[in-house]
Amino acid sequence: AKRMSKEAERAIEMINKSNEDRPPVEMPMMDDDMDIDESP
């Protein structure tokens, strides 16, 4: 139980860290009639 819980902790921390280290994506300024780029 301890081993599996620790593996789950590491897995969650890896996902969290991958998002922390991801460089910020600048969102474009949009007019009301401008198409939204949903890629970011």
PDB file of all heavy atoms in Angstrom:
ATOM      1  N   ALA A   1       0.832  -1.205   0.000  1.00  0.00           N
ATOM      2  CA  ALA A   1       0.000   0.000   0.000  1.00  0.00           C
ATOM      3  C   ALA A   1       0.865   1.253   0.000  1.00  0.00           C
ATOM      4  O   ALA A   1       0.590   2.222  -0.722  1.00  0.00           O
ATOM      5  CB  ALA A   1      -0.921  -0.009   1.219  1.00  0.00           C
ATOM      6  N   LYS A   2       1.918   1.239   0.816  1.00  0.00           N
ATOM      7  CA  LYS A   2       2.819   2.386   0.872  1.00  0.00           C
ATOM      8  C   LYS A   2       3.513   2.590  -0.469  1.00  0.00           C
ATOM      9  O   LYS A   2       3.612   3.718  -0.970  1.00  0.00           O
ATOM     10  CB  LYS A   2       3.851   2.183   1.974  1.00  0.00           C
ATOM     11  CG  LYS A   2       4.909   3.267   2.061  1.00  0.00           C
ATOM     12  CD  LYS A   2       5.904   2.959   3.174  1.00  0.00           C
ATOM     13  CE  LYS A   2       7.086   3.909   3.153  1.00  0.00           C
ATOM     14  NZ  LYS A   2       8.070   3.608   4.223  1.00  0.00           N
ATOM     15  N   ARG A   3       3.981   1.495  -1.068  1.00  0.00           N
ATOM     16  CA  ARG A   3       4.704   1.599  -2.344  1.00  0.00           C
ATOM     17  C   ARG A   3       3.802   2.159  -3.442  1.00  0.00           C
ATOM     18  O   ARG A   3       4.202   3.055  -4.190  1.00  0.00           O
ATOM     19  CB  ARG A   3       5.235   0.222  -2.745  1.00  0.00           C
ATOM     20  CG  ARG A   3       6.097   0.256  -4.010  1.00  0.00           C
ATOM     21  CD  ARG A   3       6.637  -1.110  -4.359  1.00  0.00           C
ATOM     22  NE  ARG A   3       5.596  -2.065  -4.702  1.00  0.00           N
ATOM     23  CZ  ARG A   3       5.184  -3.044  -3.915  1.00  0.00           C
ATOM     24  NH1 ARG A   3       5.719  -3.213  -2.711  1.00  0.00           N
ATOM     25  NH2 ARG A   3       4.234  -3.887  -4.309  1.00  0.00           N
ATOM     26  N   MET A   4       2.569   1.654  -3.525  1.00  0.00           N
ATOM     27  CA  MET A   4       1.659   2.114  -4.576  1.00  0.00           C
ATOM     28  C   MET A   4       1.225   3.556  -4.347  1.00  0.00           C
ATOM     29  O   MET A   4       1.086   4.341  -5.295  1.00  0.00           O
ATOM     30  CB  MET A   4       0.442   1.195  -4.642  1.00  0.00           C
ATOM     31  CG  MET A   4       0.768  -0.200  -5.136  1.00  0.00           C
ATOM     32  SD  MET A   4      -0.605  -1.347  -4.934  1.00  0.00           S
ATOM     33  CE  MET A   4       0.190  -2.893  -5.399  1.00  0.00           C
ATOM     34  N   SER A   5       1.020   3.916  -3.076  1.00  0.00           N
ATOM     35  CA  SER A   5       0.643   5.296  -2.768  1.00  0.00           C
ATOM     36  C   SER A   5       1.761   6.257  -3.151  1.00  0.00           C
ATOM     37  O   SER A   5       1.511   7.340  -3.691  1.00  0.00           O
ATOM     38  CB  SER A   5       0.312   5.433  -1.284  1.00  0.00           C
ATOM     39  OG  SER A   5      -0.828   4.685  -0.944  1.00  0.00           O
ATOM     40  N   LYS A   6       3.007   5.859  -2.868  1.00  0.00           N
ATOM     41  CA  LYS A   6       4.142   6.717  -3.213  1.00  0.00           C
ATOM     42  C   LYS A   6       4.284   6.831  -4.725  1.00  0.00           C
ATOM     43  O   LYS A   6       4.641   7.897  -5.243  1.00  0.00           O
ATOM     44  CB  LYS A   6       5.429   6.160  -2.584  1.00  0.00           C
ATOM     45  CG  LYS A   6       5.466   6.301  -1.071  1.00  0.00           C
ATOM     46  CD  LYS A   6       6.767   5.810  -0.473  1.00  0.00           C
ATOM     47  CE  LYS A   6       7.892   6.777  -0.721  1.00  0.00           C
ATOM     48  NZ  LYS A   6       9.120   6.414   0.036  1.00  0.00           N
ATOM     49  N   GLU A   7       3.995   5.748  -5.443  1.00  0.00           N
ATOM     50  CA  GLU A   7       4.042   5.817  -6.906  1.00  0.00           C
ATOM     51  C   GLU A   7       2.963   6.764  -7.423  1.00  0.00           C
ATOM     52  O   GLU A   7       3.193   7.533  -8.371  1.00  0.00           O
ATOM     53  CB  GLU A   7       3.856   4.424  -7.507  1.00  0.00           C
ATOM     54  CG  GLU A   7       5.066   3.510  -7.340  1.00  0.00           C
ATOM     55  CD  GLU A   7       4.845   2.131  -7.943  1.00  0.00           C
ATOM     56  OE1 GLU A   7       3.795   1.945  -8.608  1.00  0.00           O
ATOM     57  OE2 GLU A   7       5.701   1.251  -7.754  1.00  0.00           O
ATOM     58  N   ALA A   8       1.789   6.727  -6.792  1.00  0.00           N
ATOM     59  CA  ALA A   8       0.718   7.645  -7.187  1.00  0.00           C
ATOM     60  C   ALA A   8       1.120   9.090  -6.902  1.00  0.00           C
ATOM     61  O   ALA A   8       0.861   9.987  -7.720  1.00  0.00           O
ATOM     62  CB  ALA A   8      -0.573   7.290  -6.443  1.00  0.00           C
ATOM     63  N   GLU A   9       1.751   9.325  -5.752  1.00  0.00           N
ATOM     64  CA  GLU A   9       2.243  10.669  -5.421  1.00  0.00           C
ATOM     65  C   GLU A   9       3.204  11.165  -6.491  1.00  0.00           C
ATOM     66  O   GLU A   9       3.099  12.310  -6.963  1.00  0.00           O
ATOM     67  CB  GLU A   9       2.962  10.649  -4.072  1.00  0.00           C
ATOM     68  CG  GLU A   9       2.065  10.479  -2.868  1.00  0.00           C
ATOM     69  CD  GLU A   9       2.875  10.351  -1.595  1.00  0.00           C
ATOM     70  OE1 GLU A   9       3.785  11.164  -1.381  1.00  0.00           O
ATOM     71  OE2 GLU A   9       2.613   9.408  -0.809  1.00  0.00           O
ATOM     72  N   ARG A  10       4.165  10.305  -6.869  1.00  0.00           N
ATOM     73  CA  ARG A  10       5.154  10.708  -7.872  1.00  0.00           C
ATOM     74  C   ARG A  10       4.493  10.992  -9.212  1.00  0.00           C
ATOM     75  O   ARG A  10       4.868  11.934  -9.924  1.00  0.00           O
ATOM     76  CB  ARG A  10       6.233   9.625  -8.020  1.00  0.00           C
ATOM     77  CG  ARG A  10       7.228   9.581  -6.866  1.00  0.00           C
ATOM     78  CD  ARG A  10       8.441   8.739  -7.229  1.00  0.00           C
ATOM     79  NE  ARG A  10       8.097   7.331  -7.335  1.00  0.00           N
ATOM     80  CZ  ARG A  10       8.171   6.466  -6.325  1.00  0.00           C
ATOM     81  NH1 ARG A  10       8.559   6.878  -5.137  1.00  0.00           N
ATOM     82  NH2 ARG A  10       7.866   5.198  -6.495  1.00  0.00           N
ATOM     83  N   ALA A  11       3.494  10.157  -9.568  1.00  0.00           N
ATOM     84  CA  ALA A  11       2.803  10.353 -10.844  1.00  0.00           C
ATOM     85  C   ALA A  11       2.089  11.697 -10.877  1.00  0.00           C
ATOM     86  O   ALA A  11       2.165  12.447 -11.860  1.00  0.00           O
ATOM     87  CB  ALA A  11       1.799   9.219 -11.059  1.00  0.00           C
ATOM     88  N   ILE A  12       1.407  12.019  -9.779  1.00  0.00           N
ATOM     89  CA  ILE A  12       0.667  13.286  -9.728  1.00  0.00           C
ATOM     90  C   ILE A  12       1.631  14.460  -9.750  1.00  0.00           C
ATOM     91  O   ILE A  12       1.398  15.475 -10.426  1.00  0.00           O
ATOM     92  CB  ILE A  12      -0.220  13.327  -8.471  1.00  0.00           C
ATOM     93  CG1 ILE A  12      -1.287  12.231  -8.547  1.00  0.00           C
ATOM     94  CG2 ILE A  12      -0.881  14.693  -8.321  1.00  0.00           C
ATOM     95  CD1 ILE A  12      -2.040  12.004  -7.254  1.00  0.00           C
ATOM     96  N   GLU A  13       2.732  14.333  -9.012  1.00  0.00           N
ATOM     97  CA  GLU A  13       3.718  15.416  -8.978  1.00  0.00           C
ATOM     98  C   GLU A  13       4.359  15.628 -10.341  1.00  0.00           C
ATOM     99  O   GLU A  13       4.687  16.752 -10.722  1.00  0.00           O
ATOM    100  CB  GLU A  13       4.781  15.119  -7.923  1.00  0.00           C
ATOM    101  CG  GLU A  13       4.246  15.298  -6.492  1.00  0.00           C
ATOM    102  CD  GLU A  13       5.189  14.768  -5.438  1.00  0.00           C
ATOM    103  OE1 GLU A  13       6.227  14.160  -5.820  1.00  0.00           O
ATOM    104  OE2 GLU A  13       4.902  14.947  -4.241  1.00  0.00           O
ATOM    105  N   MET A  14       4.558  14.536 -11.106  1.00  0.00           N
ATOM    106  CA  MET A  14       5.122  14.658 -12.453  1.00  0.00           C
ATOM    107  C   MET A  14       4.183  15.447 -13.359  1.00  0.00           C
ATOM    108  O   MET A  14       4.601  16.314 -14.134  1.00  0.00           O
ATOM    109  CB  MET A  14       5.392  13.268 -13.039  1.00  0.00           C
ATOM    110  CG  MET A  14       6.596  12.557 -12.426  1.00  0.00           C
ATOM    111  SD  MET A  14       6.675  10.804 -12.905  1.00  0.00           S
ATOM    112  CE  MET A  14       6.939  10.956 -14.661  1.00  0.00           C
ATOM    113  N   ILE A  15       2.871  15.151 -13.273  1.00  0.00           N
ATOM    114  CA  ILE A  15       1.904  15.882 -14.091  1.00  0.00           C
ATOM    115  C   ILE A  15       1.869  17.345 -13.672  1.00  0.00           C
ATOM    116  O   ILE A  15       1.855  18.256 -14.503  1.00  0.00           O
ATOM    117  CB  ILE A  15       0.503  15.246 -13.957  1.00  0.00           C
ATOM    118  CG1 ILE A  15       0.515  13.820 -14.506  1.00  0.00           C
ATOM    119  CG2 ILE A  15      -0.532  16.086 -14.701  1.00  0.00           C
ATOM    120  CD1 ILE A  15      -0.768  13.050 -14.265  1.00  0.00           C
ATOM    121  N   ASN A  16       1.868  17.574 -12.355  1.00  0.00           N
ATOM    122  CA  ASN A  16       1.829  18.940 -11.842  1.00  0.00           C
ATOM    123  C   ASN A  16       3.068  19.720 -12.280  1.00  0.00           C
ATOM    124  O   ASN A  16       2.986  20.874 -12.700  1.00  0.00           O
ATOM    125  CB  ASN A  16       1.731  18.912 -10.320  1.00  0.00           C
ATOM    126  CG  ASN A  16       1.245  20.224  -9.738  1.00  0.00           C
ATOM    127  OD1 ASN A  16       0.336  20.850 -10.277  1.00  0.00           O
ATOM    128  ND2 ASN A  16       1.852  20.651  -8.661  1.00  0.00           N
ATOM    129  N   LYS A  17       4.240  19.067 -12.188  1.00  0.00           N
ATOM    130  CA  LYS A  17       5.487  19.729 -12.552  1.00  0.00           C
ATOM    131  C   LYS A  17       5.523  20.035 -14.043  1.00  0.00           C
ATOM    132  O   LYS A  17       6.025  21.082 -14.465  1.00  0.00           O
ATOM    133  CB  LYS A  17       6.687  18.873 -12.161  1.00  0.00           C
ATOM    134  CG  LYS A  17       8.024  19.581 -12.330  1.00  0.00           C
ATOM    135  CD  LYS A  17       9.160  18.724 -11.806  1.00  0.00           C
ATOM    136  CE  LYS A  17      10.476  19.492 -11.821  1.00  0.00           C
ATOM    137  NZ  LYS A  17      10.845  19.981 -13.137  1.00  0.00           N
ATOM    138  N   SER A  18       4.997  19.135 -14.866  1.00  0.00           N
ATOM    139  CA  SER A  18       5.009  19.375 -16.316  1.00  0.00           C
ATOM    140  C   SER A  18       4.199  20.619 -16.658  1.00  0.00           C
ATOM    141  O   SER A  18       4.517  21.345 -17.598  1.00  0.00           O
ATOM    142  CB  SER A  18       4.461  18.162 -17.067  1.00  0.00           C
ATOM    143  OG  SER A  18       3.070  18.024 -16.870  1.00  0.00           O
ATOM    144  N   ASN A  19       3.155  20.880 -15.880  1.00  0.00           N
ATOM    145  CA  ASN A  19       2.349  22.083 -16.110  1.00  0.00           C
ATOM    146  C   ASN A  19       3.004  23.320 -15.523  1.00  0.00           C
ATOM    147  O   ASN A  19       2.909  24.402 -16.094  1.00  0.00           O
ATOM    148  CB  ASN A  19       0.947  21.899 -15.515  1.00  0.00           C
ATOM    149  CG  ASN A  19       0.059  21.037 -16.385  1.00  0.00           C
ATOM    150  OD1 ASN A  19      -0.505  21.498 -17.355  1.00  0.00           O
ATOM    151  ND2 ASN A  19      -0.037  19.762 -16.047  1.00  0.00           N
ATOM    152  N   GLU A  20       3.678  23.182 -14.370  1.00  0.00           N
ATOM    153  CA  GLU A  20       4.397  24.312 -13.787  1.00  0.00           C
ATOM    154  C   GLU A  20       5.500  24.798 -14.707  1.00  0.00           C
ATOM    155  O   GLU A  20       5.728  26.001 -14.855  1.00  0.00           O
ATOM    156  CB  GLU A  20       5.016  23.910 -12.447  1.00  0.00           C
ATOM    157  CG  GLU A  20       4.029  23.767 -11.308  1.00  0.00           C
ATOM    158  CD  GLU A  20       4.735  23.350 -10.049  1.00  0.00           C
ATOM    159  OE1 GLU A  20       5.879  23.790  -9.813  1.00  0.00           O
ATOM    160  OE2 GLU A  20       4.159  22.566  -9.280  1.00  0.00           O
ATOM    161  N   ASP A  21       6.235  23.852 -15.331  1.00  0.00           N
ATOM    162  CA  ASP A  21       7.395  24.202 -16.144  1.00  0.00           C
ATOM    163  C   ASP A  21       7.025  24.617 -17.558  1.00  0.00           C
ATOM    164  O   ASP A  21       7.881  25.084 -18.307  1.00  0.00           O
ATOM    165  CB  ASP A  21       8.372  23.019 -16.213  1.00  0.00           C
ATOM    166  CG  ASP A  21       9.008  22.741 -14.864  1.00  0.00           C
ATOM    167  OD1 ASP A  21       8.974  23.646 -14.001  1.00  0.00           O
ATOM    168  OD2 ASP A  21       9.524  21.629 -14.663  1.00  0.00           O
ATOM    169  N   ARG A  22       5.772  24.448 -17.939  1.00  0.00           N
ATOM    170  CA  ARG A  22       5.357  24.827 -19.293  1.00  0.00           C
ATOM    171  C   ARG A  22       5.430  26.342 -19.436  1.00  0.00           C
ATOM    172  O   ARG A  22       4.871  27.069 -18.612  1.00  0.00           O
ATOM    173  CB  ARG A  22       3.921  24.352 -19.559  1.00  0.00           C
ATOM    174  CG  ARG A  22       3.385  24.703 -20.921  1.00  0.00           C
ATOM    175  CD  ARG A  22       2.107  23.917 -21.193  1.00  0.00           C
ATOM    176  NE  ARG A  22       1.160  24.042 -20.107  1.00  0.00           N
ATOM    177  CZ  ARG A  22       0.266  25.033 -20.008  1.00  0.00           C
ATOM    178  NH1 ARG A  22       0.238  25.988 -20.907  1.00  0.00           N
ATOM    179  NH2 ARG A  22      -0.599  25.065 -19.005  1.00  0.00           N
ATOM    180  N   PRO A  23       6.118  26.866 -20.462  1.00  0.00           N
ATOM    181  CA  PRO A  23       6.202  28.323 -20.631  1.00  0.00           C
ATOM    182  C   PRO A  23       4.830  28.922 -20.872  1.00  0.00           C
ATOM    183  O   PRO A  23       3.976  28.308 -21.500  1.00  0.00           O
ATOM    184  CB  PRO A  23       7.111  28.488 -21.857  1.00  0.00           C
ATOM    185  CG  PRO A  23       7.022  27.197 -22.583  1.00  0.00           C
ATOM    186  CD  PRO A  23       6.812  26.139 -21.530  1.00  0.00           C
ATOM    187  N   PRO A  24       4.604  30.139 -20.362  1.00  0.00           N
ATOM    188  CA  PRO A  24       3.298  30.776 -20.550  1.00  0.00           C
ATOM    189  C   PRO A  24       3.012  31.057 -22.016  1.00  0.00           C
ATOM    190  O   PRO A  24       3.911  31.350 -22.788  1.00  0.00           O
ATOM    191  CB  PRO A  24       3.422  32.078 -19.740  1.00  0.00           C
ATOM    192  CG  PRO A  24       4.891  32.344 -19.664  1.00  0.00           C
ATOM    193  CD  PRO A  24       5.549  30.994 -19.629  1.00  0.00           C
ATOM    194  N   VAL A  25       1.762  30.939 -22.374  1.00  0.00           N
ATOM    195  CA  VAL A  25       1.329  31.194 -23.749  1.00  0.00           C
ATOM    196  C   VAL A  25       0.580  32.513 -23.765  1.00  0.00           C
ATOM    197  O   VAL A  25      -0.401  32.695 -23.036  1.00  0.00           O
ATOM    198  CB  VAL A  25       0.406  30.055 -24.254  1.00  0.00           C
ATOM    199  CG1 VAL A  25      -0.064  30.368 -25.672  1.00  0.00           C
ATOM    200  CG2 VAL A  25       1.138  28.725 -24.198  1.00  0.00           C
ATOM    201  N   GLU A  26       1.063  33.463 -24.555  1.00  0.00           N
ATOM    202  CA  GLU A  26       0.406  34.764 -24.654  1.00  0.00           C
ATOM    203  C   GLU A  26      -0.876  34.625 -25.470  1.00  0.00           C
ATOM    204  O   GLU A  26      -0.866  34.117 -26.590  1.00  0.00           O
ATOM    205  CB  GLU A  26       1.343  35.777 -25.331  1.00  0.00           C
ATOM    206  CG  GLU A  26       2.573  36.121 -24.511  1.00  0.00           C
ATOM    207  CD  GLU A  26       2.219  36.925 -23.272  1.00  0.00           C
ATOM    208  OE1 GLU A  26       1.112  37.504 -23.240  1.00  0.00           O
ATOM    209  OE2 GLU A  26       3.050  36.977 -22.352  1.00  0.00           O
ATOM    210  N   MET A  27      -1.981  35.063 -24.902  1.00  0.00           N
ATOM    211  CA  MET A  27      -3.253  35.041 -25.608  1.00  0.00           C
ATOM    212  C   MET A  27      -3.400  36.327 -26.425  1.00  0.00           C
ATOM    213  O   MET A  27      -3.096  37.416 -25.935  1.00  0.00           O
ATOM    214  CB  MET A  27      -4.410  34.946 -24.606  1.00  0.00           C
ATOM    215  CG  MET A  27      -4.409  33.631 -23.840  1.00  0.00           C
ATOM    216  SD  MET A  27      -4.887  32.246 -24.878  1.00  0.00           S
ATOM    217  CE  MET A  27      -6.634  32.552 -25.056  1.00  0.00           C
ATOM    218  N   PRO A  28      -3.841  36.230 -27.665  1.00  0.00           N
ATOM    219  CA  PRO A  28      -3.988  37.430 -28.492  1.00  0.00           C
ATOM    220  C   PRO A  28      -5.132  38.302 -28.007  1.00  0.00           C
ATOM    221  O   PRO A  28      -6.090  37.828 -27.423  1.00  0.00           O
ATOM    222  CB  PRO A  28      -4.301  36.845 -29.882  1.00  0.00           C
ATOM    223  CG  PRO A  28      -4.952  35.526 -29.589  1.00  0.00           C
ATOM    224  CD  PRO A  28      -4.274  35.012 -28.354  1.00  0.00           C
ATOM    225  N   MET A  29      -4.978  39.608 -28.237  1.00  0.00           N
ATOM    226  CA  MET A  29      -6.063  40.540 -27.959  1.00  0.00           C
ATOM    227  C   MET A  29      -7.155  40.304 -28.999  1.00  0.00           C
ATOM    228  O   MET A  29      -6.876  40.122 -30.190  1.00  0.00           O
ATOM    229  CB  MET A  29      -5.560  41.984 -28.035  1.00  0.00           C
ATOM    230  CG  MET A  29      -4.494  42.314 -26.996  1.00  0.00           C
ATOM    231  SD  MET A  29      -5.110  42.159 -25.308  1.00  0.00           S
ATOM    232  CE  MET A  29      -6.278  43.526 -25.282  1.00  0.00           C
ATOM    233  N   MET A  30      -8.419  40.279 -28.552  1.00  0.00           N
ATOM    234  CA  MET A  30      -9.502  39.907 -29.472  1.00  0.00           C
ATOM    235  C   MET A  30     -10.576  40.982 -29.520  1.00  0.00           C
ATOM    236  O   MET A  30     -10.963  41.545 -28.483  1.00  0.00           O
ATOM    237  CB  MET A  30     -10.136  38.584 -29.016  1.00  0.00           C
ATOM    238  CG  MET A  30      -9.186  37.395 -29.112  1.00  0.00           C
ATOM    239  SD  MET A  30      -9.972  35.902 -28.509  1.00  0.00           S
ATOM    240  CE  MET A  30     -10.100  36.283 -26.778  1.00  0.00           C
ATOM    241  N   ASP A  31     -11.051  41.240 -30.719  1.00  0.00           N
ATOM    242  CA  ASP A  31     -12.238  42.057 -30.883  1.00  0.00           C
ATOM    243  C   ASP A  31     -13.448  41.154 -30.751  1.00  0.00           C
ATOM    244  O   ASP A  31     -13.346  39.919 -30.823  1.00  0.00           O
ATOM    245  CB  ASP A  31     -12.242  42.736 -32.263  1.00  0.00           C
ATOM    246  CG  ASP A  31     -11.049  43.686 -32.409  1.00  0.00           C
ATOM    247  OD1 ASP A  31     -10.673  44.306 -31.387  1.00  0.00           O
ATOM    248  OD2 ASP A  31     -10.524  43.794 -33.536  1.00  0.00           O
ATOM    249  N   ASP A  32     -14.621  41.759 -30.589  1.00  0.00           N
ATOM    250  CA  ASP A  32     -15.823  40.958 -30.404  1.00  0.00           C
ATOM    251  C   ASP A  32     -16.111  40.067 -31.592  1.00  0.00           C
ATOM    252  O   ASP A  32     -16.658  38.965 -31.457  1.00  0.00           O
ATOM    253  CB  ASP A  32     -17.032  41.877 -30.153  1.00  0.00           C
ATOM    254  CG  ASP A  32     -16.920  42.574 -28.802  1.00  0.00           C
ATOM    255  OD1 ASP A  32     -16.175  42.060 -27.941  1.00  0.00           O
ATOM    256  OD2 ASP A  32     -17.580  43.618 -28.621  1.00  0.00           O
ATOM    257  N   ASP A  33     -15.734  40.532 -32.803  1.00  0.00           N
ATOM    258  CA  ASP A  33     -16.039  39.759 -34.004  1.00  0.00           C
ATOM    259  C   ASP A  33     -14.854  38.930 -34.480  1.00  0.00           C
ATOM    260  O   ASP A  33     -14.864  38.376 -35.565  1.00  0.00           O
ATOM    261  CB  ASP A  33     -16.501  40.688 -35.133  1.00  0.00           C
ATOM    262  CG  ASP A  33     -15.450  41.760 -35.457  1.00  0.00           C
ATOM    263  OD1 ASP A  33     -14.487  41.899 -34.663  1.00  0.00           O
ATOM    264  OD2 ASP A  33     -15.613  42.439 -36.492  1.00  0.00           O
ATOM    265  N   MET A  34     -13.839  38.835 -33.664  1.00  0.00           N
ATOM    266  CA  MET A  34     -12.623  38.124 -34.063  1.00  0.00           C
ATOM    267  C   MET A  34     -12.768  36.643 -33.738  1.00  0.00           C
ATOM    268  O   MET A  34     -13.275  36.259 -32.685  1.00  0.00           O
ATOM    269  CB  MET A  34     -11.417  38.698 -33.298  1.00  0.00           C
ATOM    270  CG  MET A  34     -10.104  38.030 -33.618  1.00  0.00           C
ATOM    271  SD  MET A  34      -8.747  38.811 -32.681  1.00  0.00           S
ATOM    272  CE  MET A  34      -7.383  37.778 -33.182  1.00  0.00           C
ATOM    273  N   ASP A  35     -12.328  35.782 -34.660  1.00  0.00           N
ATOM    274  CA  ASP A  35     -12.339  34.342 -34.409  1.00  0.00           C
ATOM    275  C   ASP A  35     -11.362  34.007 -33.299  1.00  0.00           C
ATOM    276  O   ASP A  35     -10.260  34.551 -33.239  1.00  0.00           O
ATOM    277  CB  ASP A  35     -11.959  33.559 -35.681  1.00  0.00           C
ATOM    278  CG  ASP A  35     -13.029  33.695 -36.747  1.00  0.00           C
ATOM    279  OD1 ASP A  35     -14.195  33.953 -36.368  1.00  0.00           O
ATOM    280  OD2 ASP A  35     -12.692  33.549 -37.942  1.00  0.00           O
ATOM    281  N   ILE A  36     -11.745  33.103 -32.429  1.00  0.00           N
ATOM    282  CA  ILE A  36     -10.910  32.706 -31.292  1.00  0.00           C
ATOM    283  C   ILE A  36     -10.028  31.539 -31.684  1.00  0.00           C
ATOM    284  O   ILE A  36     -10.510  30.500 -32.162  1.00  0.00           O
ATOM    285  CB  ILE A  36     -11.778  32.315 -30.082  1.00  0.00           C
ATOM    286  CG1 ILE A  36     -12.612  33.507 -29.638  1.00  0.00           C
ATOM    287  CG2 ILE A  36     -10.916  31.813 -28.932  1.00  0.00           C
ATOM    288  CD1 ILE A  36     -13.587  33.183 -28.514  1.00  0.00           C
ATOM    289  N   ASP A  37      -8.749  31.721 -31.488  1.00  0.00           N
ATOM    290  CA  ASP A  37      -7.798  30.617 -31.699  1.00  0.00           C
ATOM    291  C   ASP A  37      -7.745  29.793 -30.420  1.00  0.00           C
ATOM    292  O   ASP A  37      -7.240  30.239 -29.399  1.00  0.00           O
ATOM    293  CB  ASP A  37      -6.416  31.182 -32.026  1.00  0.00           C
ATOM    294  CG  ASP A  37      -5.393  30.070 -32.253  1.00  0.00           C
ATOM    295  OD1 ASP A  37      -5.794  28.892 -32.274  1.00  0.00           O
ATOM    296  OD2 ASP A  37      -4.191  30.391 -32.380  1.00  0.00           O
ATOM    297  N   GLU A  38      -8.295  28.590 -30.459  1.00  0.00           N
ATOM    298  CA  GLU A  38      -8.392  27.774 -29.254  1.00  0.00           C
ATOM    299  C   GLU A  38      -7.172  26.897 -29.022  1.00  0.00           C
ATOM    300  O   GLU A  38      -7.131  26.145 -28.062  1.00  0.00           O
ATOM    301  CB  GLU A  38      -9.634  26.877 -29.326  1.00  0.00           C
ATOM    302  CG  GLU A  38     -10.935  27.674 -29.351  1.00  0.00           C
ATOM    303  CD  GLU A  38     -12.148  26.763 -29.295  1.00  0.00           C
ATOM    304  OE1 GLU A  38     -11.951  25.539 -29.387  1.00  0.00           O
ATOM    305  OE2 GLU A  38     -13.271  27.266 -29.175  1.00  0.00           O
ATOM    306  N   SER A  39      -6.147  27.026 -29.888  1.00  0.00           N
ATOM    307  CA  SER A  39      -4.989  26.136 -29.742  1.00  0.00           C
ATOM    308  C   SER A  39      -4.288  26.273 -28.403  1.00  0.00           C
ATOM    309  O   SER A  39      -3.868  25.260 -27.825  1.00  0.00           O
ATOM    310  CB  SER A  39      -4.004  26.356 -30.895  1.00  0.00           C
ATOM    311  OG  SER A  39      -3.573  27.695 -30.926  1.00  0.00           O
ATOM    312  N   PRO A  40      -4.109  27.510 -27.834  1.00  0.00           N
ATOM    313  CA  PRO A  40      -3.455  27.573 -26.530  1.00  0.00           C
ATOM    314  C   PRO A  40      -4.239  26.866 -25.448  1.00  0.00           C
ATOM    315  O   PRO A  40      -3.668  26.346 -24.495  1.00  0.00           O
ATOM    316  CB  PRO A  40      -3.366  29.081 -26.251  1.00  0.00           C
ATOM    317  CG  PRO A  40      -3.473  29.734 -27.587  1.00  0.00           C
ATOM    318  CD  PRO A  40      -4.394  28.853 -28.361  1.00  0.00           C
TER     319      PRO A  40
END
